[in-house]
Amino acid sequence: MELKAYLKQHRQTIDQALEDLLPDKKLRPTQLHEAMHYSVFAGGKRIRPILMMAACQAAGGTIEDVIPTACAMEMIHTYSLIHDDLPAMDDDDFRRGQPTNHKIFGDATAILAGDALLTEAFVVLSAQQNNKNISAETQRRVIEIIARAAGATGMVGGQIVDMESEGTQPDLATVDYIHTHKTGALILASIQAGALLGGADEETFTALSSFGKSAGLAFQIADDILDIVGDQQQLGKDIGSDQERGKATYPAVLGLNESKRRASELHQQALDIISPLGDAAEPLRQISGYIINRSS
């Protein structure tokens, strides 16, 4: 397969589905809906939805069955970015090269746009018309996995420990906790949801879950590294912001070279885990490589 073409095709599929699933910008309250659309369509790579689609494919499923759930995951991810950028949290002015949501719409609307995206995601996840080919038990398991990954035992928990750790001298266990929860949880949930929707048996589900854990952590280590060595124009955000804020990152604890080694090691672990899945898992292999080698 050709990875660029694969990513482009599936990104376009997700973008079109998001247009269909989100409330129309012309509907009242228009400012809220405009703010939701603004961040959802601000140039995201759709890594989590595409990982979900690739996991479904690796499990032998039909990608069309996973599209609504993949869109819901992107809504949750986008809500987290809107809130993460707020002055009360990371206070970022730019995201993906564009002014952050609160810079355009104000803090209050940005908060509500994030709230609305999170809630709308669960409307999509639970609506029967979006899950016609999915059994009720599979739908329930998917909703539970995503809810846990987004909440206090997942992304939100990781976010608050991240904030609490700013300006401290964190240990490796704390950095591991932050990254496996704040970033890794939604990546793992994307893989697990895709596996379930693809009809994975327990052995395949376990293998893909292990892949998701390794790939999710590798993704965040690569992100930490990019904050030091990345190109600001390509990244679309300020370089060095983690260091300026005293963020708990892998380079801060382990150093740059050891962080790179660990990301590479996790990537290899991920590849080894899904080796038995054969050609069906090739998209996951290539996406894993892209995650740790990306420049933006």
Protein backbone atom coordinates (compact mmCIF):
# COMPACT_ATOMS: atom_id res chain seq x y z
CA MET A 1 0.00 0.00 0.00
CA GLU A 2 0.99 3.64 -0.47
CA LEU A 3 0.59 5.34 2.90
CA LYS A 4 0.04 8.91 1.67
CA ALA A 5 -2.77 7.81 -0.62
CA TYR A 6 -4.29 5.67 2.15
CA LEU A 7 -4.23 8.54 4.65
CA LYS A 8 -5.61 11.03 2.12
CA GLN A 9 -8.47 8.74 1.06
CA HIS A 10 -9.58 7.96 4.60
CA ARG A 11 -9.16 11.55 5.76
CA GLN A 12 -11.49 12.67 2.98
CA THR A 13 -14.00 9.97 3.97
CA ILE A 14 -13.94 11.15 7.59
CA ASP A 15 -14.20 14.82 6.63
CA GLN A 16 -17.29 14.18 4.52
CA ALA A 17 -18.90 12.10 7.25
CA LEU A 18 -18.16 14.79 9.85
CA GLU A 19 -19.89 17.36 7.63
CA ASP A 20 -22.94 15.12 7.56
CA LEU A 21 -22.97 14.33 11.28
CA LEU A 22 -22.25 17.74 12.80
CA PRO A 23 -25.09 20.26 13.26
CA ASP A 24 -25.32 22.65 10.32
CA LYS A 25 -23.50 25.94 10.90
CA LYS A 26 -26.63 27.84 9.85
CA LEU A 27 -28.73 26.30 12.61
CA ARG A 28 -29.33 28.29 15.76
CA PRO A 29 -27.23 28.79 17.88
CA THR A 30 -25.07 29.63 14.88
CA GLN A 31 -22.04 30.88 16.83
CA LEU A 32 -21.77 27.62 18.73
CA HIS A 33 -22.07 25.54 15.58
CA GLU A 34 -19.57 27.74 13.74
CA ALA A 35 -17.10 27.31 16.61
CA MET A 36 -17.53 23.53 16.49
CA HIS A 37 -16.93 23.42 12.74
CA TYR A 38 -13.99 25.82 13.02
CA SER A 39 -11.91 23.47 15.15
CA VAL A 40 -13.09 20.20 13.62
CA PHE A 41 -12.06 21.40 10.15
CA ALA A 42 -8.88 23.22 11.15
CA GLY A 43 -6.59 20.78 9.35
CA GLY A 44 -6.39 17.72 11.59
CA LYS A 45 -4.68 14.59 10.29
CA ARG A 46 -7.52 12.33 11.57
CA ILE A 47 -4.97 9.89 13.04
CA ARG A 48 -7.38 8.42 15.59
CA PRO A 49 -10.25 7.82 13.14
CA ILE A 50 -7.86 6.34 10.59
CA LEU A 51 -6.30 4.07 13.22
CA MET A 52 -9.81 2.90 14.07
CA MET A 53 -10.53 2.16 10.43
CA ALA A 54 -7.20 0.34 10.03
CA ALA A 55 -7.86 -1.76 13.16
CA CYS A 56 -11.27 -2.71 11.79
CA GLN A 57 -9.57 -3.74 8.54
CA ALA A 58 -6.93 -5.75 10.45
CA ALA A 59 -9.72 -7.62 12.24
CA GLY A 60 -11.33 -8.50 8.91
CA GLY A 61 -14.22 -6.04 9.18
CA THR A 62 -15.90 -3.58 6.82
CA ILE A 63 -14.55 -0.05 7.12
CA GLU A 64 -17.94 1.54 6.37
CA ASP A 65 -19.29 0.14 9.65
CA VAL A 66 -16.72 2.07 11.67
CA ILE A 67 -17.06 5.54 10.09
CA PRO A 68 -19.65 7.04 12.51
CA THR A 69 -17.67 5.84 15.54
CA ALA A 70 -14.46 7.16 13.98
CA CYS A 71 -16.12 10.56 13.56
CA ALA A 72 -17.27 10.50 17.18
CA MET A 73 -13.66 9.88 18.24
CA GLU A 74 -12.51 12.88 16.21
CA MET A 75 -15.17 15.05 17.89
CA ILE A 76 -13.87 13.97 21.30
CA HIS A 77 -10.28 14.62 20.29
CA THR A 78 -11.18 18.06 18.94
CA TYR A 79 -13.06 18.98 22.12
CA SER A 80 -9.96 18.07 24.12
CA LEU A 81 -7.78 20.34 21.96
CA ILE A 82 -10.17 23.29 22.30
CA HIS A 83 -10.12 22.98 26.09
CA ASP A 84 -6.38 22.24 26.21
CA ASP A 85 -5.66 25.53 24.41
CA LEU A 86 -7.69 27.66 26.83
CA PRO A 87 -5.93 30.28 29.01
CA ALA A 88 -6.79 28.27 32.13
CA MET A 89 -4.84 25.30 30.73
CA ASP A 90 -2.04 25.60 28.14
CA ASP A 91 -2.99 29.11 26.94
CA ASP A 92 -2.01 28.51 23.30
CA ASP A 93 -2.65 31.07 20.58
CA PHE A 94 -2.25 28.75 17.59
CA ARG A 95 -3.28 25.23 16.71
CA ARG A 96 -2.40 23.67 13.32
CA GLY A 97 -1.22 27.06 12.11
CA GLN A 98 -4.57 28.74 12.84
CA PRO A 99 -5.68 30.90 15.79
CA THR A 100 -7.08 28.71 18.55
CA ASN A 101 -10.81 28.53 19.07
CA HIS A 102 -10.94 30.92 22.03
CA LYS A 103 -8.92 33.48 20.08
CA ILE A 104 -11.67 33.60 17.46
CA PHE A 105 -14.84 33.01 19.46
CA GLY A 106 -13.86 33.92 23.04
CA ASP A 107 -13.30 31.71 26.06
CA ALA A 108 -16.96 31.06 26.89
CA THR A 109 -17.94 29.95 23.39
CA ALA A 110 -14.81 27.82 23.12
CA ILE A 111 -15.70 26.02 26.35
CA LEU A 112 -19.24 25.43 25.13
CA ALA A 113 -18.05 24.30 21.68
CA GLY A 114 -15.87 21.69 23.38
CA ASP A 115 -18.76 20.62 25.61
CA ALA A 116 -21.05 20.34 22.60
CA LEU A 117 -18.56 18.25 20.61
CA LEU A 118 -18.09 15.82 23.48
CA THR A 119 -21.85 15.44 23.91
CA GLU A 120 -22.50 15.19 20.17
CA ALA A 121 -19.95 12.38 19.97
CA PHE A 122 -22.10 10.26 22.27
CA VAL A 123 -25.21 11.09 20.26
CA VAL A 124 -23.40 9.65 17.23
CA LEU A 125 -22.15 6.63 19.19
CA SER A 126 -25.57 5.74 20.57
CA ALA A 127 -27.84 6.56 17.59
CA GLN A 128 -29.21 3.39 16.05
CA GLN A 129 -29.16 4.77 12.51
CA ASN A 130 -25.38 5.12 12.76
CA ASN A 131 -24.87 1.54 13.91
CA LYS A 132 -27.29 -0.54 11.84
CA ASN A 133 -24.86 -3.41 11.27
CA ILE A 134 -23.55 -3.48 14.85
CA SER A 135 -24.93 -5.70 17.59
CA ALA A 136 -26.26 -3.99 20.72
CA GLU A 137 -23.56 -5.65 22.87
CA THR A 138 -20.74 -4.52 20.57
CA GLN A 139 -22.17 -1.00 20.52
CA ARG A 140 -22.35 -1.00 24.32
CA ARG A 141 -18.73 -2.18 24.66
CA VAL A 142 -17.51 0.46 22.21
CA ILE A 143 -19.32 3.25 24.05
CA GLU A 144 -17.94 2.09 27.39
CA ILE A 145 -14.36 1.88 26.07
CA ILE A 146 -14.52 5.36 24.56
CA ALA A 147 -16.22 6.91 27.60
CA ARG A 148 -13.59 5.49 29.96
CA ALA A 149 -10.78 6.64 27.67
CA ALA A 150 -12.16 10.18 27.56
CA GLY A 151 -12.91 10.58 31.28
CA ALA A 152 -11.23 10.74 34.67
CA THR A 153 -9.48 7.38 34.26
CA GLY A 154 -8.27 8.36 30.79
CA MET A 155 -7.63 11.61 28.95
CA VAL A 156 -9.07 14.02 31.53
CA GLY A 157 -7.11 12.32 34.30
CA GLY A 158 -3.93 12.61 32.26
CA GLN A 159 -4.62 16.29 31.57
CA ILE A 160 -4.92 17.24 35.23
CA VAL A 161 -1.77 15.35 36.23
CA ASP A 162 -0.02 17.11 33.33
CA MET A 163 -1.11 20.48 34.73
CA GLU A 164 -0.18 19.53 38.30
CA SER A 165 3.29 18.48 37.16
CA GLU A 166 4.21 21.76 35.42
CA GLY A 167 7.28 23.35 36.92
CA THR A 168 8.12 20.28 39.02
CA GLN A 169 10.80 17.65 38.56
CA PRO A 170 8.65 14.68 37.57
CA ASP A 171 9.82 11.09 37.67
CA LEU A 172 9.42 8.61 34.84
CA ALA A 173 6.34 7.02 36.41
CA THR A 174 4.54 10.37 36.35
CA VAL A 175 5.45 11.03 32.72
CA ASP A 176 4.30 7.52 31.81
CA TYR A 177 1.00 8.15 33.59
CA ILE A 178 0.43 11.48 31.83
CA HIS A 179 1.17 10.17 28.37
CA THR A 180 -0.65 6.85 28.62
CA HIS A 181 -3.75 8.69 29.85
CA LYS A 182 -3.75 12.12 28.19
CA THR A 183 -2.80 10.91 24.70
CA GLY A 184 -2.48 7.14 24.76
CA ALA A 185 -5.98 6.45 26.08
CA LEU A 186 -7.83 7.76 23.02
CA ILE A 187 -5.40 6.07 20.64
CA LEU A 188 -5.85 2.76 22.45
CA ALA A 189 -9.63 3.24 22.47
CA SER A 190 -9.56 3.95 18.73
CA ILE A 191 -7.76 0.67 18.09
CA GLN A 192 -10.02 -1.30 20.45
CA ALA A 193 -13.21 0.17 19.00
CA GLY A 194 -12.03 -0.60 15.47
CA ALA A 195 -11.20 -4.16 16.48
CA LEU A 196 -14.63 -4.73 18.05
CA LEU A 197 -16.49 -3.17 15.13
CA GLY A 198 -14.43 -5.33 12.79
CA GLY A 199 -15.58 -8.48 14.58
CA ALA A 200 -12.23 -9.34 16.18
CA ASP A 201 -12.06 -12.53 18.24
CA GLU A 202 -10.55 -12.29 21.74
CA GLU A 203 -7.04 -13.19 20.58
CA THR A 204 -7.06 -10.54 17.85
CA PHE A 205 -8.62 -7.99 20.19
CA THR A 206 -5.88 -8.59 22.76
CA ALA A 207 -3.14 -8.29 20.13
CA LEU A 208 -4.57 -5.07 18.72
CA SER A 209 -4.99 -3.66 22.24
CA SER A 210 -1.31 -4.32 22.95
CA PHE A 211 -0.43 -2.67 19.66
CA GLY A 212 -2.53 0.35 20.64
CA LYS A 213 -0.74 0.75 23.96
CA SER A 214 2.71 0.72 22.35
CA ALA A 215 1.72 2.91 19.40
CA GLY A 216 -0.09 5.43 21.62
CA LEU A 217 2.93 5.93 23.85
CA ALA A 218 5.27 6.15 20.86
CA PHE A 219 3.02 8.85 19.39
CA GLN A 220 3.34 11.06 22.47
CA ILE A 221 7.09 10.55 22.83
CA ALA A 222 7.43 11.60 19.18
CA ASP A 223 5.29 14.65 19.98
CA ASP A 224 7.58 15.55 22.90
CA ILE A 225 10.60 15.24 20.61
CA LEU A 226 8.98 17.42 17.93
CA ASP A 227 8.50 20.18 20.49
CA ILE A 228 12.30 20.37 20.66
CA VAL A 229 13.50 19.57 17.13
CA GLY A 230 10.40 20.20 14.98
CA ASP A 231 9.84 22.94 12.43
CA GLN A 232 7.43 25.58 13.73
CA GLN A 233 5.90 26.30 10.33
CA GLN A 234 5.27 22.62 9.63
CA LEU A 235 3.90 21.94 13.09
CA GLY A 236 1.60 24.95 13.07
CA LYS A 237 2.32 25.74 16.73
CA ASP A 238 5.06 27.22 18.85
CA ILE A 239 8.21 25.16 19.28
CA GLY A 240 9.71 24.84 22.74
CA SER A 241 6.49 25.55 24.60
CA ASP A 242 6.81 22.36 26.67
CA GLN A 243 10.22 23.41 27.94
CA GLU A 244 9.07 26.97 28.65
CA ARG A 245 6.19 25.73 30.79
CA GLY A 246 8.25 23.09 32.56
CA LYS A 247 6.03 20.32 31.17
CA ALA A 248 6.54 16.71 32.24
CA THR A 249 7.91 15.17 29.04
CA TYR A 250 10.13 12.24 28.13
CA PRO A 251 13.04 14.44 26.97
CA ALA A 252 12.83 16.35 30.26
CA VAL A 253 13.23 13.11 32.23
CA LEU A 254 15.26 10.87 29.91
CA GLY A 255 16.98 13.27 27.53
CA LEU A 256 16.49 13.56 23.79
CA ASN A 257 18.53 10.55 22.63
CA GLU A 258 17.01 8.13 25.12
CA SER A 259 13.54 9.40 24.22
CA LYS A 260 14.22 8.68 20.56
CA ARG A 261 15.48 5.21 21.46
CA ARG A 262 12.38 4.50 23.52
CA ALA A 263 10.03 5.65 20.73
CA SER A 264 11.84 3.38 18.28
CA GLU A 265 11.66 0.48 20.73
CA LEU A 266 7.91 0.96 21.20
CA HIS A 267 7.45 1.09 17.44
CA GLN A 268 9.23 -2.24 17.06
CA GLN A 269 7.15 -3.73 19.86
CA ALA A 270 4.00 -2.61 18.06
CA LEU A 271 5.16 -4.22 14.81
CA ASP A 272 6.05 -7.49 16.52
CA ILE A 273 2.66 -7.68 18.26
CA ILE A 274 0.65 -7.53 15.03
CA SER A 275 3.00 -9.65 12.94
CA PRO A 276 0.65 -12.68 13.12
CA LEU A 277 -2.19 -10.65 11.59
CA GLY A 278 -0.51 -10.68 8.18
CA ASP A 279 -1.28 -8.37 5.27
CA ALA A 280 -4.56 -7.14 6.78
CA ALA A 281 -2.53 -5.22 9.39
CA GLU A 282 -0.22 -3.53 6.87
CA PRO A 283 -1.95 -0.13 7.24
CA LEU A 284 -1.40 -0.28 11.01
CA ARG A 285 2.29 -1.07 10.48
CA GLN A 286 2.79 1.87 8.17
CA ILE A 287 0.79 4.27 10.33
CA SER A 288 2.89 3.25 13.34
CA GLY A 289 6.04 4.13 11.38
CA TYR A 290 4.53 7.45 10.33
CA ILE A 291 3.65 8.27 13.94
CA ILE A 292 7.23 8.17 15.18
CA ASN A 293 8.90 9.55 12.06
CA ARG A 294 6.56 12.44 11.29
CA SER A 295 7.88 15.98 11.09
CA SER A 296 4.58 17.76 11.82
